[in-house]
PDB file of N, CA and C in Angstrom:
ATOM      1  N   UNK A   1      39.554  89.559 -35.784  1.00  0.00           N
ATOM      2  CA  UNK A   1      39.410  88.427 -36.714  1.00  0.00           C
ATOM      3  C   UNK A   1      39.257  86.652 -35.918  1.00  0.00           C
ATOM      4  N   UNK A   2      37.755  86.260 -35.929  1.00  0.00           N
ATOM      5  CA  UNK A   2      37.616  85.100 -35.492  1.00  0.00           C
ATOM      6  C   UNK A   2      37.767  84.161 -37.308  1.00  0.00           C
ATOM      7  N   UNK A   3      38.348  82.855 -36.189  1.00  0.00           N
ATOM      8  CA  UNK A   3      38.160  81.967 -37.515  1.00  0.00           C
ATOM      9  C   UNK A   3      38.400  80.807 -36.947  1.00  0.00           C
ATOM     10  N   UNK A   4      38.063  79.809 -37.673  1.00  0.00           N
ATOM     11  CA  UNK A   4      37.953  78.102 -37.052  1.00  0.00           C
ATOM     12  C   UNK A   4      39.122  77.136 -37.571  1.00  0.00           C
ATOM     13  N   UNK A   5      39.550  76.278 -36.604  1.00  0.00           N
ATOM     14  CA  UNK A   5      40.421  75.076 -37.250  1.00  0.00           C
ATOM     15  C   UNK A   5      39.480  74.011 -37.506  1.00  0.00           C
ATOM     16  N   UNK A   6      40.601  73.280 -38.183  1.00  0.00           N
ATOM     17  CA  UNK A   6      39.809  72.110 -38.416  1.00  0.00           C
ATOM     18  C   UNK A   6      39.405  71.128 -37.521  1.00  0.00           C
ATOM     19  N   UNK A   7      40.268  70.949 -36.120  1.00  0.00           N
ATOM     20  CA  UNK A   7      39.676  70.839 -34.722  1.00  0.00           C
ATOM     21  C   UNK A   7      38.849  70.648 -34.448  1.00  0.00           C
ATOM     22  N   UNK A   8      38.183  72.262 -34.814  1.00  0.00           N
ATOM     23  CA  UNK A   8      36.852  72.538 -34.035  1.00  0.00           C
ATOM     24  C   UNK A   8      37.675  73.639 -32.283  1.00  0.00           C
ATOM     25  N   UNK A   9      38.282  74.226 -33.246  1.00  0.00           N
ATOM     26  CA  UNK A   9      38.936  75.463 -32.416  1.00  0.00           C
ATOM     27  C   UNK A   9      38.607  76.841 -32.599  1.00  0.00           C
ATOM     28  N   UNK A  10      37.890  77.266 -32.125  1.00  0.00           N
ATOM     29  CA  UNK A  10      37.798  79.036 -32.571  1.00  0.00           C
ATOM     30  C   UNK A  10      38.818  79.640 -31.889  1.00  0.00           C
ATOM     31  N   UNK A  11      39.109  80.716 -32.776  1.00  0.00           N
ATOM     32  CA  UNK A  11      40.471  81.003 -32.611  1.00  0.00           C
ATOM     33  C   UNK A  11      40.417  82.422 -32.682  1.00  0.00           C
ATOM     34  N   UNK A  12      40.930  83.954 -32.269  1.00  0.00           N
ATOM     35  CA  UNK A  12      41.107  85.185 -32.424  1.00  0.00           C
ATOM     36  C   UNK A  12      42.412  85.214 -33.007  1.00  0.00           C
ATOM     37  N   UNK A  13      42.288  86.613 -33.689  1.00  0.00           N
ATOM     38  CA  UNK A  13      43.762  87.434 -33.854  1.00  0.00           C
ATOM     39  C   UNK A  13      43.384  88.333 -33.432  1.00  0.00           C
ATOM     40  N   UNK A  14      43.903  88.840 -32.741  1.00  0.00           N
ATOM     41  CA  UNK A  14      43.909  91.145 -32.567  1.00  0.00           C
ATOM     42  C   UNK A  14      44.754  91.608 -33.052  1.00  0.00           C
ATOM     43  N   UNK A  15      44.292  92.224 -34.239  1.00  0.00           N
ATOM     44  CA  UNK A  15      45.174  93.096 -35.179  1.00  0.00           C
ATOM     45  C   UNK A  15      45.155  94.404 -35.230  1.00  0.00           C
ATOM     46  N   UNK A  16      46.552  95.014 -34.344  1.00  0.00           N
ATOM     47  CA  UNK A  16      46.490  96.510 -34.366  1.00  0.00           C
ATOM     48  C   UNK A  16      48.181  96.615 -35.739  1.00  0.00           C
ATOM     49  N   UNK A  17      47.829  97.545 -36.364  1.00  0.00           N
ATOM     50  CA  UNK A  17      48.926  98.028 -37.219  1.00  0.00           C
ATOM     51  C   UNK A  17      49.678  96.622 -37.900  1.00  0.00           C
ATOM     52  N   UNK A  18      51.289  96.812 -37.201  1.00  0.00           N
ATOM     53  CA  UNK A  18      51.807  95.578 -37.691  1.00  0.00           C
ATOM     54  C   UNK A  18      52.018  94.334 -36.530  1.00  0.00           C
ATOM     55  N   UNK A  19      51.374  94.466 -35.368  1.00  0.00           N
ATOM     56  CA  UNK A  19      51.221  93.315 -34.742  1.00  0.00           C
ATOM     57  C   UNK A  19      50.237  92.642 -34.491  1.00  0.00           C
ATOM     58  N   UNK A  20      50.463  91.712 -33.754  1.00  0.00           N
ATOM     59  CA  UNK A  20      48.784  90.808 -33.742  1.00  0.00           C
ATOM     60  C   UNK A  20      49.026  90.283 -32.002  1.00  0.00           C
ATOM     61  N   UNK A  21      47.956  89.657 -31.540  1.00  0.00           N
ATOM     62  CA  UNK A  21      47.774  88.596 -30.974  1.00  0.00           C
ATOM     63  C   UNK A  21      47.152  87.577 -30.791  1.00  0.00           C
ATOM     64  N   UNK A  22      47.070  86.477 -30.423  1.00  0.00           N
ATOM     65  CA  UNK A  22      46.692  85.320 -30.928  1.00  0.00           C
ATOM     66  C   UNK A  22      46.252  84.379 -29.926  1.00  0.00           C
ATOM     67  N   UNK A  23      44.645  84.537 -29.544  1.00  0.00           N
ATOM     68  CA  UNK A  23      43.421  83.462 -28.405  1.00  0.00           C
ATOM     69  C   UNK A  23      42.670  82.719 -28.863  1.00  0.00           C
ATOM     70  N   UNK A  24      43.119  81.095 -27.951  1.00  0.00           N
ATOM     71  CA  UNK A  24      42.090  80.904 -28.583  1.00  0.00           C
ATOM     72  C   UNK A  24      40.913  80.408 -27.169  1.00  0.00           C
ATOM     73  N   UNK A  25      39.864  80.891 -27.905  1.00  0.00           N
ATOM     74  CA  UNK A  25      38.641  80.907 -27.553  1.00  0.00           C
ATOM     75  C   UNK A  25      37.512  80.449 -27.141  1.00  0.00           C
ATOM     76  N   UNK A  26      37.687  78.815 -28.071  1.00  0.00           N
ATOM     77  CA  UNK A  26      36.773  77.677 -27.625  1.00  0.00           C
ATOM     78  C   UNK A  26      37.005  76.787 -28.267  1.00  0.00           C
ATOM     79  N   UNK A  27      36.973  75.211 -27.546  1.00  0.00           N
ATOM     80  CA  UNK A  27      37.559  73.874 -28.651  1.00  0.00           C
ATOM     81  C   UNK A  27      35.842  73.410 -28.268  1.00  0.00           C
ATOM     82  N   UNK A  28      35.625  72.977 -29.579  1.00  0.00           N
ATOM     83  CA  UNK A  28      34.242  72.475 -29.660  1.00  0.00           C
ATOM     84  C   UNK A  28      34.796  70.621 -29.877  1.00  0.00           C
ATOM     85  N   UNK A  29      35.497  70.431 -30.164  1.00  0.00           N
ATOM     86  CA  UNK A  29      35.836  69.610 -30.513  1.00  0.00           C
ATOM     87  C   UNK A  29      35.111  68.350 -32.031  1.00  0.00           C
ATOM     88  N   UNK A  30      34.668  70.001 -32.707  1.00  0.00           N
ATOM     89  CA  UNK A  30      34.032  69.181 -33.720  1.00  0.00           C
ATOM     90  C   UNK A  30      34.298  70.335 -34.689  1.00  0.00           C
ATOM     91  N   UNK A  31      34.640  70.018 -36.254  1.00  0.00           N
ATOM     92  CA  UNK A  31      35.083  70.525 -37.059  1.00  0.00           C
ATOM     93  C   UNK A  31      33.894  72.019 -37.273  1.00  0.00           C
ATOM     94  N   UNK A  32      33.755  72.783 -37.137  1.00  0.00           N
ATOM     95  CA  UNK A  32      32.913  74.445 -37.423  1.00  0.00           C
ATOM     96  C   UNK A  32      33.120  74.111 -38.704  1.00  0.00           C
ATOM     97  N   UNK A  33      31.513  73.688 -39.251  1.00  0.00           N
ATOM     98  CA  UNK A  33      31.299  74.865 -41.266  1.00  0.00           C
ATOM     99  C   UNK A  33      31.055  76.162 -41.010  1.00  0.00           C
ATOM    100  N   UNK A  34      30.925  76.697 -39.390  1.00  0.00           N
ATOM    101  CA  UNK A  34      30.244  78.679 -40.266  1.00  0.00           C
ATOM    102  C   UNK A  34      30.227  78.872 -39.067  1.00  0.00           C
ATOM    103  N   UNK A  35      30.609  80.362 -39.025  1.00  0.00           N
ATOM    104  CA  UNK A  35      31.081  81.148 -37.837  1.00  0.00           C
ATOM    105  C   UNK A  35      29.660  82.139 -38.759  1.00  0.00           C
ATOM    106  N   UNK A  36      28.703  82.963 -37.438  1.00  0.00           N
ATOM    107  CA  UNK A  36      28.188  83.427 -37.646  1.00  0.00           C
ATOM    108  C   UNK A  36      27.348  84.781 -36.644  1.00  0.00           C
ATOM    109  N   UNK A  37      28.145  85.876 -36.656  1.00  0.00           N
ATOM    110  CA  UNK A  37      27.646  87.455 -35.974  1.00  0.00           C
ATOM    111  C   UNK A  37      26.459  87.459 -36.050  1.00  0.00           C
ATOM    112  N   UNK A  38      25.945  87.323 -34.785  1.00  0.00           N
ATOM    113  CA  UNK A  38      24.222  87.945 -34.929  1.00  0.00           C
ATOM    114  C   UNK A  38      24.287  89.269 -34.948  1.00  0.00           C
ATOM    115  N   UNK A  39      23.289  90.111 -35.334  1.00  0.00           N
ATOM    116  CA  UNK A  39      22.694  91.697 -36.209  1.00  0.00           C
ATOM    117  C   UNK A  39      23.426  92.890 -35.340  1.00  0.00           C
ATOM    118  N   UNK A  40      23.714  92.400 -34.092  1.00  0.00           N
ATOM    119  CA  UNK A  40      23.918  93.394 -33.179  1.00  0.00           C
ATOM    120  C   UNK A  40      25.497  92.735 -33.144  1.00  0.00           C
ATOM    121  N   UNK A  41      26.124  92.405 -33.133  1.00  0.00           N
ATOM    122  CA  UNK A  41      27.618  91.458 -32.671  1.00  0.00           C
ATOM    123  C   UNK A  41      28.110  91.615 -31.391  1.00  0.00           C
ATOM    124  N   UNK A  42      26.673  90.650 -30.686  1.00  0.00           N
ATOM    125  CA  UNK A  42      26.833  90.554 -29.777  1.00  0.00           C
ATOM    126  C   UNK A  42      27.420  88.899 -28.674  1.00  0.00           C
ATOM    127  N   UNK A  43      26.824  88.294 -30.266  1.00  0.00           N
ATOM    128  CA  UNK A  43      26.744  86.777 -30.025  1.00  0.00           C
ATOM    129  C   UNK A  43      27.358  86.212 -31.494  1.00  0.00           C
ATOM    130  N   UNK A  44      28.061  84.650 -31.249  1.00  0.00           N
ATOM    131  CA  UNK A  44      28.727  84.335 -32.541  1.00  0.00           C
ATOM    132  C   UNK A  44      27.992  83.127 -32.412  1.00  0.00           C
ATOM    133  N   UNK A  45      27.532  82.495 -33.464  1.00  0.00           N
ATOM    134  CA  UNK A  45      27.355  80.611 -33.260  1.00  0.00           C
ATOM    135  C   UNK A  45      28.019  80.252 -34.308  1.00  0.00           C
ATOM    136  N   UNK A  46      28.590  79.401 -33.834  1.00  0.00           N
ATOM    137  CA  UNK A  46      29.559  78.257 -34.105  1.00  0.00           C
ATOM    138  C   UNK A  46      28.626  76.863 -34.861  1.00  0.00           C
ATOM    139  N   UNK A  47      28.492  77.126 -36.055  1.00  0.00           N
ATOM    140  CA  UNK A  47      28.070  76.120 -36.648  1.00  0.00           C
ATOM    141  C   UNK A  47      28.787  74.725 -37.125  1.00  0.00           C
ATOM    142  N   UNK A  48      27.911  73.477 -36.624  1.00  0.00           N
ATOM    143  CA  UNK A  48      28.702  71.904 -37.204  1.00  0.00           C
ATOM    144  C   UNK A  48      28.085  71.654 -38.159  1.00  0.00           C
ATOM    145  N   UNK A  49      28.794  70.853 -39.051  1.00  0.00           N
ATOM    146  CA  UNK A  49      27.814  69.822 -40.027  1.00  0.00           C
ATOM    147  C   UNK A  49      27.199  69.265 -39.432  1.00  0.00           C
ATOM    148  N   UNK A  50      27.477  68.559 -38.223  1.00  0.00           N
ATOM    149  CA  UNK A  50      26.850  67.325 -37.401  1.00  0.00           C
ATOM    150  C   UNK A  50      25.729  68.319 -36.844  1.00  0.00           C
ATOM    151  N   UNK A  51      25.010  69.082 -37.144  1.00  0.00           N
ATOM    152  CA  UNK A  51      23.811  70.071 -37.133  1.00  0.00           C
ATOM    153  C   UNK A  51      24.174  70.302 -35.196  1.00  0.00           C
ATOM    154  N   UNK A  52      24.891  70.611 -34.703  1.00  0.00           N
ATOM    155  CA  UNK A  52      25.226  71.113 -33.469  1.00  0.00           C
ATOM    156  C   UNK A  52      25.594  72.496 -33.538  1.00  0.00           C
ATOM    157  N   UNK A  53      24.838  73.430 -32.761  1.00  0.00           N
ATOM    158  CA  UNK A  53      25.304  75.040 -32.654  1.00  0.00           C
ATOM    159  C   UNK A  53      25.479  75.216 -31.270  1.00  0.00           C
ATOM    160  N   UNK A  54      26.330  76.190 -31.697  1.00  0.00           N
ATOM    161  CA  UNK A  54      27.026  76.456 -29.836  1.00  0.00           C
ATOM    162  C   UNK A  54      27.104  78.416 -30.086  1.00  0.00           C
ATOM    163  N   UNK A  55      27.248  79.167 -28.829  1.00  0.00           N
ATOM    164  CA  UNK A  55      27.187  80.284 -28.729  1.00  0.00           C
ATOM    165  C   UNK A  55      28.345  80.576 -27.952  1.00  0.00           C
ATOM    166  N   UNK A  56      29.065  81.609 -28.622  1.00  0.00           N
ATOM    167  CA  UNK A  56      29.967  82.590 -27.823  1.00  0.00           C
ATOM    168  C   UNK A  56      29.563  83.611 -28.442  1.00  0.00           C
ATOM    169  N   UNK A  57      30.294  84.678 -27.135  1.00  0.00           N
ATOM    170  CA  UNK A  57      29.871  85.495 -26.780  1.00  0.00           C
ATOM    171  C   UNK A  57      31.046  86.130 -26.490  1.00  0.00           C
ATOM    172  N   UNK A  58      31.798  87.391 -27.575  1.00  0.00           N
ATOM    173  CA  UNK A  58      33.249  87.714 -26.924  1.00  0.00           C
ATOM    174  C   UNK A  58      33.302  88.241 -25.923  1.00  0.00           C
ATOM    175  N   UNK A  59      32.057  89.323 -25.892  1.00  0.00           N
ATOM    176  CA  UNK A  59      32.441  90.188 -24.315  1.00  0.00           C
ATOM    177  C   UNK A  59      32.678  89.607 -23.453  1.00  0.00           C
ATOM    178  N   UNK A  60      32.409  88.352 -23.139  1.00  0.00           N
ATOM    179  CA  UNK A  60      32.023  88.067 -21.676  1.00  0.00           C
ATOM    180  C   UNK A  60      33.344  86.659 -21.951  1.00  0.00           C
ATOM    181  N   UNK A  61      34.178  86.303 -23.517  1.00  0.00           N
ATOM    182  CA  UNK A  61      35.283  85.735 -23.130  1.00  0.00           C
ATOM    183  C   UNK A  61      34.858  84.065 -22.459  1.00  0.00           C
ATOM    184  N   UNK A  62      34.073  83.803 -22.309  1.00  0.00           N
ATOM    185  CA  UNK A  62      33.756  82.264 -21.491  1.00  0.00           C
ATOM    186  C   UNK A  62      33.514  81.314 -22.738  1.00  0.00           C
ATOM    187  N   UNK A  63      33.460  80.164 -22.160  1.00  0.00           N
ATOM    188  CA  UNK A  63      33.255  78.740 -23.485  1.00  0.00           C
ATOM    189  C   UNK A  63      31.861  79.128 -23.891  1.00  0.00           C
ATOM    190  N   UNK A  64      32.201  77.858 -25.469  1.00  0.00           N
ATOM    191  CA  UNK A  64      31.163  78.342 -25.948  1.00  0.00           C
ATOM    192  C   UNK A  64      30.040  77.046 -25.214  1.00  0.00           C
ATOM    193  N   UNK A  65      28.699  77.591 -25.597  1.00  0.00           N
ATOM    194  CA  UNK A  65      27.396  77.026 -25.155  1.00  0.00           C
ATOM    195  C   UNK A  65      26.605  76.199 -26.146  1.00  0.00           C
ATOM    196  N   UNK A  66      26.464  74.907 -25.884  1.00  0.00           N
ATOM    197  CA  UNK A  66      25.772  74.501 -26.742  1.00  0.00           C
ATOM    198  C   UNK A  66      24.324  74.720 -26.711  1.00  0.00           C
ATOM    199  N   UNK A  67      23.839  75.045 -28.451  1.00  0.00           N
ATOM    200  CA  UNK A  67      22.363  75.445 -27.885  1.00  0.00           C
ATOM    201  C   UNK A  67      21.487  74.288 -28.190  1.00  0.00           C
ATOM    202  N   UNK A  68      22.224  73.774 -29.702  1.00  0.00           N
ATOM    203  CA  UNK A  68      21.427  72.481 -30.160  1.00  0.00           C
ATOM    204  C   UNK A  68      21.930  71.484 -30.657  1.00  0.00           C
ATOM    205  N   UNK A  69      21.613  70.704 -30.754  1.00  0.00           N
ATOM    206  CA  UNK A  69      21.461  69.357 -31.474  1.00  0.00           C
ATOM    207  C   UNK A  69      20.631  68.449 -32.240  1.00  0.00           C
ATOM    208  N   UNK A  70      20.825  68.744 -33.087  1.00  0.00           N
ATOM    209  CA  UNK A  70      20.089  68.513 -34.102  1.00  0.00           C
ATOM    210  C   UNK A  70      20.216  66.811 -34.209  1.00  0.00           C
ATOM    211  N   UNK A  71      21.306  66.079 -34.311  1.00  0.00           N
ATOM    212  CA  UNK A  71      22.017  65.059 -34.175  1.00  0.00           C
ATOM    213  C   UNK A  71      21.280  64.297 -35.859  1.00  0.00           C
ATOM    214  N   UNK A  72      21.896  65.343 -36.773  1.00  0.00           N
ATOM    215  CA  UNK A  72      20.939  65.494 -38.277  1.00  0.00           C
ATOM    216  C   UNK A  72      22.704  65.404 -39.207  1.00  0.00           C
ATOM    217  N   UNK A  73      23.365  63.985 -40.093  1.00  0.00           N
ATOM    218  CA  UNK A  73      23.985  64.601 -39.862  1.00  0.00           C
ATOM    219  C   UNK A  73      23.570  64.902 -41.998  1.00  0.00           C
ATOM    220  N   UNK A  74      23.112  65.310 -41.903  1.00  0.00           N
ATOM    221  CA  UNK A  74      22.087  66.150 -42.726  1.00  0.00           C
ATOM    222  C   UNK A  74      21.804  67.561 -42.882  1.00  0.00           C
ATOM    223  N   UNK A  75      22.623  68.642 -41.845  1.00  0.00           N
ATOM    224  CA  UNK A  75      22.450  69.810 -41.371  1.00  0.00           C
ATOM    225  C   UNK A  75      23.455  70.476 -42.309  1.00  0.00           C
ATOM    226  N   UNK A  76      22.823  71.582 -42.374  1.00  0.00           N
ATOM    227  CA  UNK A  76      24.098  72.435 -43.710  1.00  0.00           C
ATOM    228  C   UNK A  76      24.544  73.679 -42.816  1.00  0.00           C
ATOM    229  N   UNK A  77      23.194  74.538 -42.520  1.00  0.00           N
ATOM    230  CA  UNK A  77      23.831  75.599 -42.403  1.00  0.00           C
ATOM    231  C   UNK A  77      22.654  76.299 -40.618  1.00  0.00           C
ATOM    232  N   UNK A  78      23.365  77.471 -40.175  1.00  0.00           N
ATOM    233  CA  UNK A  78      22.156  77.924 -38.926  1.00  0.00           C
ATOM    234  C   UNK A  78      22.332  79.711 -39.009  1.00  0.00           C
ATOM    235  N   UNK A  79      21.804  80.289 -38.895  1.00  0.00           N
ATOM    236  CA  UNK A  79      21.693  81.776 -38.407  1.00  0.00           C
ATOM    237  C   UNK A  79      20.654  82.306 -38.098  1.00  0.00           C
ATOM    238  N   UNK A  80      21.368  83.475 -37.225  1.00  0.00           N
ATOM    239  CA  UNK A  80      20.157  84.537 -36.552  1.00  0.00           C
ATOM    240  C   UNK A  80      19.089  84.570 -37.433  1.00  0.00           C
ATOM    241  N   UNK A  81      17.504  84.459 -36.376  1.00  0.00           N
ATOM    242  CA  UNK A  81      16.612  84.914 -37.230  1.00  0.00           C
ATOM    243  C   UNK A  81      15.959  86.728 -36.699  1.00  0.00           C
ATOM    244  N   UNK A  82      16.572  87.306 -37.894  1.00  0.00           N
ATOM    245  CA  UNK A  82      16.583  88.556 -37.103  1.00  0.00           C
ATOM    246  C   UNK A  82      14.880  89.045 -36.945  1.00  0.00           C
ATOM    247  N   UNK A  83      14.062  90.191 -36.767  1.00  0.00           N
ATOM    248  CA  UNK A  83      15.181  91.064 -35.282  1.00  0.00           C
ATOM    249  C   UNK A  83      15.797  90.918 -34.228  1.00  0.00           C
ATOM    250  N   UNK A  84      16.769  90.791 -33.344  1.00  0.00           N
ATOM    251  CA  UNK A  84      16.584  90.360 -31.987  1.00  0.00           C
ATOM    252  C   UNK A  84      17.696  88.763 -32.641  1.00  0.00           C
ATOM    253  N   UNK A  85      18.030  89.061 -31.015  1.00  0.00           N
ATOM    254  CA  UNK A  85      19.221  87.874 -31.119  1.00  0.00           C
ATOM    255  C   UNK A  85      18.773  86.499 -30.713  1.00  0.00           C
ATOM    256  N   UNK A  86      17.659  85.981 -30.190  1.00  0.00           N
ATOM    257  CA  UNK A  86      16.386  84.788 -29.866  1.00  0.00           C
ATOM    258  C   UNK A  86      16.237  83.734 -30.043  1.00  0.00           C
ATOM    259  N   UNK A  87      16.645  83.594 -31.406  1.00  0.00           N
ATOM    260  CA  UNK A  87      15.850  83.124 -32.547  1.00  0.00           C
ATOM    261  C   UNK A  87      16.673  81.733 -33.284  1.00  0.00           C
ATOM    262  N   UNK A  88      17.343  80.868 -34.048  1.00  0.00           N
ATOM    263  CA  UNK A  88      17.647  80.864 -34.767  1.00  0.00           C
ATOM    264  C   UNK A  88      17.306  80.289 -36.006  1.00  0.00           C
ATOM    265  N   UNK A  89      17.613  80.272 -37.285  1.00  0.00           N
ATOM    266  CA  UNK A  89      17.075  79.072 -37.996  1.00  0.00           C
ATOM    267  C   UNK A  89      18.132  78.233 -39.023  1.00  0.00           C
ATOM    268  N   UNK A  90      17.738  77.186 -38.423  1.00  0.00           N
ATOM    269  CA  UNK A  90      18.722  76.170 -39.707  1.00  0.00           C
ATOM    270  C   UNK A  90      18.279  75.166 -41.046  1.00  0.00           C
ATOM    271  N   UNK A  91      18.813  74.470 -41.119  1.00  0.00           N
ATOM    272  CA  UNK A  91      17.841  73.979 -42.802  1.00  0.00           C
ATOM    273  C   UNK A  91      18.760  73.006 -43.061  1.00  0.00           C
ATOM    274  N   UNK A  92      18.509  71.698 -43.540  1.00  0.00           N
ATOM    275  CA  UNK A  92      19.257  69.888 -43.768  1.00  0.00           C
ATOM    276  C   UNK A  92      19.322  69.920 -45.573  1.00  0.00           C
ATOM    277  N   UNK A  93      20.067  69.228 -45.783  1.00  0.00           N
ATOM    278  CA  UNK A  93      19.807  68.692 -46.953  1.00  0.00           C
ATOM    279  C   UNK A  93      18.567  68.309 -47.590  1.00  0.00           C
ATOM    280  N   UNK A  94      17.528  68.218 -47.155  1.00  0.00           N
ATOM    281  CA  UNK A  94      17.176  67.481 -47.706  1.00  0.00           C
ATOM    282  C   UNK A  94      15.421  68.495 -47.586  1.00  0.00           C
ATOM    283  N   UNK A  95      15.670  69.812 -47.560  1.00  0.00           N
ATOM    284  CA  UNK A  95      15.263  71.133 -47.544  1.00  0.00           C
ATOM    285  C   UNK A  95      14.546  71.580 -46.130  1.00  0.00           C
ATOM    286  N   UNK A  96      14.593  70.875 -45.258  1.00  0.00           N
ATOM    287  CA  UNK A  96      13.351  71.121 -43.437  1.00  0.00           C
ATOM    288  C   UNK A  96      14.244  72.416 -43.179  1.00  0.00           C
ATOM    289  N   UNK A  97      13.435  73.522 -43.031  1.00  0.00           N
ATOM    290  CA  UNK A  97      13.996  74.936 -42.611  1.00  0.00           C
ATOM    291  C   UNK A  97      13.247  74.638 -41.207  1.00  0.00           C
ATOM    292  N   UNK A  98      14.346  74.850 -39.707  1.00  0.00           N
ATOM    293  CA  UNK A  98      13.827  74.954 -38.493  1.00  0.00           C
ATOM    294  C   UNK A  98      14.178  75.625 -37.520  1.00  0.00           C
ATOM    295  N   UNK A  99      13.093  76.194 -36.475  1.00  0.00           N
ATOM    296  CA  UNK A  99      13.630  77.579 -36.009  1.00  0.00           C
ATOM    297  C   UNK A  99      13.636  76.961 -34.594  1.00  0.00           C
ATOM    298  N   UNK A 100      14.457  77.527 -33.744  1.00  0.00           N
ATOM    299  CA  UNK A 100      15.103  77.251 -32.875  1.00  0.00           C
ATOM    300  C   UNK A 100      14.647  78.028 -31.748  1.00  0.00           C
ATOM    301  N   UNK A 101      14.921  78.158 -30.514  1.00  0.00           N
ATOM    302  CA  UNK A 101      15.295  79.216 -29.541  1.00  0.00           C
ATOM    303  C   UNK A 101      16.226  78.949 -28.742  1.00  0.00           C
ATOM    304  N   UNK A 102      16.846  80.472 -28.589  1.00  0.00           N
ATOM    305  CA  UNK A 102      18.719  80.314 -28.591  1.00  0.00           C
ATOM    306  C   UNK A 102      18.607  80.435 -27.354  1.00  0.00           C
ATOM    307  N   UNK A 103      17.290  80.457 -25.776  1.00  0.00           N
ATOM    308  CA  UNK A 103      17.167  81.034 -24.731  1.00  0.00           C
ATOM    309  C   UNK A 103      17.974  79.436 -24.075  1.00  0.00           C
ATOM    310  N   UNK A 104      17.300  78.418 -25.047  1.00  0.00           N
ATOM    311  CA  UNK A 104      16.699  76.711 -24.435  1.00  0.00           C
ATOM    312  C   UNK A 104      17.034  75.793 -24.907  1.00  0.00           C
ATOM    313  N   UNK A 105      17.395  76.124 -26.738  1.00  0.00           N
ATOM    314  CA  UNK A 105      17.680  75.682 -27.543  1.00  0.00           C
ATOM    315  C   UNK A 105      16.042  74.841 -27.816  1.00  0.00           C
ATOM    316  N   UNK A 106      14.731  75.226 -27.446  1.00  0.00           N
ATOM    317  CA  UNK A 106      14.085  74.706 -28.306  1.00  0.00           C
ATOM    318  C   UNK A 106      14.063  74.455 -29.332  1.00  0.00           C
ATOM    319  N   UNK A 107      13.268  73.427 -29.816  1.00  0.00           N
ATOM    320  CA  UNK A 107      12.911  73.460 -30.886  1.00  0.00           C
ATOM    321  C   UNK A 107      11.197  73.829 -31.090  1.00  0.00           C
ATOM    322  N   UNK A 108      11.269  75.018 -32.002  1.00  0.00           N
ATOM    323  CA  UNK A 108       9.612  75.729 -32.018  1.00  0.00           C
ATOM    324  C   UNK A 108       8.828  75.872 -33.410  1.00  0.00           C
ATOM    325  N   UNK A 109       9.381  75.884 -34.003  1.00  0.00           N
ATOM    326  CA  UNK A 109       8.665  75.085 -35.588  1.00  0.00           C
ATOM    327  C   UNK A 109       9.220  74.582 -36.764  1.00  0.00           C
ATOM    328  N   UNK A 110       8.950  74.152 -37.435  1.00  0.00           N
ATOM    329  CA  UNK A 110       9.609  73.699 -39.348  1.00  0.00           C
ATOM    330  C   UNK A 110       8.463  74.062 -39.979  1.00  0.00           C
ATOM    331  N   UNK A 111       9.709  73.778 -41.334  1.00  0.00           N
ATOM    332  CA  UNK A 111       8.802  73.889 -42.787  1.00  0.00           C
ATOM    333  C   UNK A 111      10.045  73.352 -44.114  1.00  0.00           C
ATOM    334  N   UNK A 112       8.949  72.361 -44.498  1.00  0.00           N
ATOM    335  CA  UNK A 112       9.558  71.558 -45.610  1.00  0.00           C
ATOM    336  C   UNK A 112       9.137  71.978 -46.764  1.00  0.00           C
ATOM    337  N   UNK A 113      10.587  72.722 -47.236  1.00  0.00           N
ATOM    338  CA  UNK A 113      10.379  73.496 -48.457  1.00  0.00           C
ATOM    339  C   UNK A 113      10.306  72.527 -49.717  1.00  0.00           C
ATOM    340  N   UNK A 114      10.312  70.759 -49.208  1.00  0.00           N
ATOM    341  CA  UNK A 114       9.913  69.733 -50.515  1.00  0.00           C
ATOM    342  C   UNK A 114      10.683  69.853 -51.532  1.00  0.00           C
ATOM    343  N   UNK A 115      12.481  70.470 -51.148  1.00  0.00           N
ATOM    344  CA  UNK A 115      13.351  70.044 -52.535  1.00  0.00           C
ATOM    345  C   UNK A 115      14.627  70.116 -51.768  1.00  0.00           C
ATOM    346  N   UNK A 116      15.808  68.967 -52.629  1.00  0.00           N
ATOM    347  CA  UNK A 116      17.435  69.192 -51.898  1.00  0.00           C
ATOM    348  C   UNK A 116      17.920  70.162 -51.859  1.00  0.00           C
ATOM    349  N   UNK A 117      18.216  70.917 -50.924  1.00  0.00           N
ATOM    350  CA  UNK A 117      18.986  72.250 -50.750  1.00  0.00           C
ATOM    351  C   UNK A 117      20.681  72.090 -50.684  1.00  0.00           C
ATOM    352  N   UNK A 118      21.321  72.957 -51.504  1.00  0.00           N
ATOM    353  CA  UNK A 118      22.948  72.682 -51.328  1.00  0.00           C
ATOM    354  C   UNK A 118      23.359  74.126 -50.955  1.00  0.00           C
ATOM    355  N   UNK A 119      24.569  74.164 -50.550  1.00  0.00           N
ATOM    356  CA  UNK A 119      24.976  75.476 -50.287  1.00  0.00           C
ATOM    357  C   UNK A 119      26.537  75.116 -51.538  1.00  0.00           C
ATOM    358  N   UNK A 120      25.946  76.870 -51.959  1.00  0.00           N
ATOM    359  CA  UNK A 120      27.496  77.263 -52.755  1.00  0.00           C
ATOM    360  C   UNK A 120      27.981  78.119 -52.469  1.00  0.00           C
TER     361      UNK A 120
END
């Protein structure tokens, strides 16, 4: 079970029967708004509402790596663009959908929806 604390800490609970173990996986020092697993569950995107996206690979147990920083206070969410784990898509409150490379955080494309977007 992965979850994030308000302070930007990614925590993992390994639960087996009535026993559990807690491990702090990463501290990104920004509140995490969402956690999204890749389709093959090898990567976890940590998304902040400040427009920063980090990648964490559970099998490697390393630190979270900053992939991109849109520096947008209007940033809502990000997710993997499937198939594969090479790209992610993000959306802003103003309705701008952006595509990014997860290898180096390169901005690739955008589409303006022309409407304000909300998360429900």
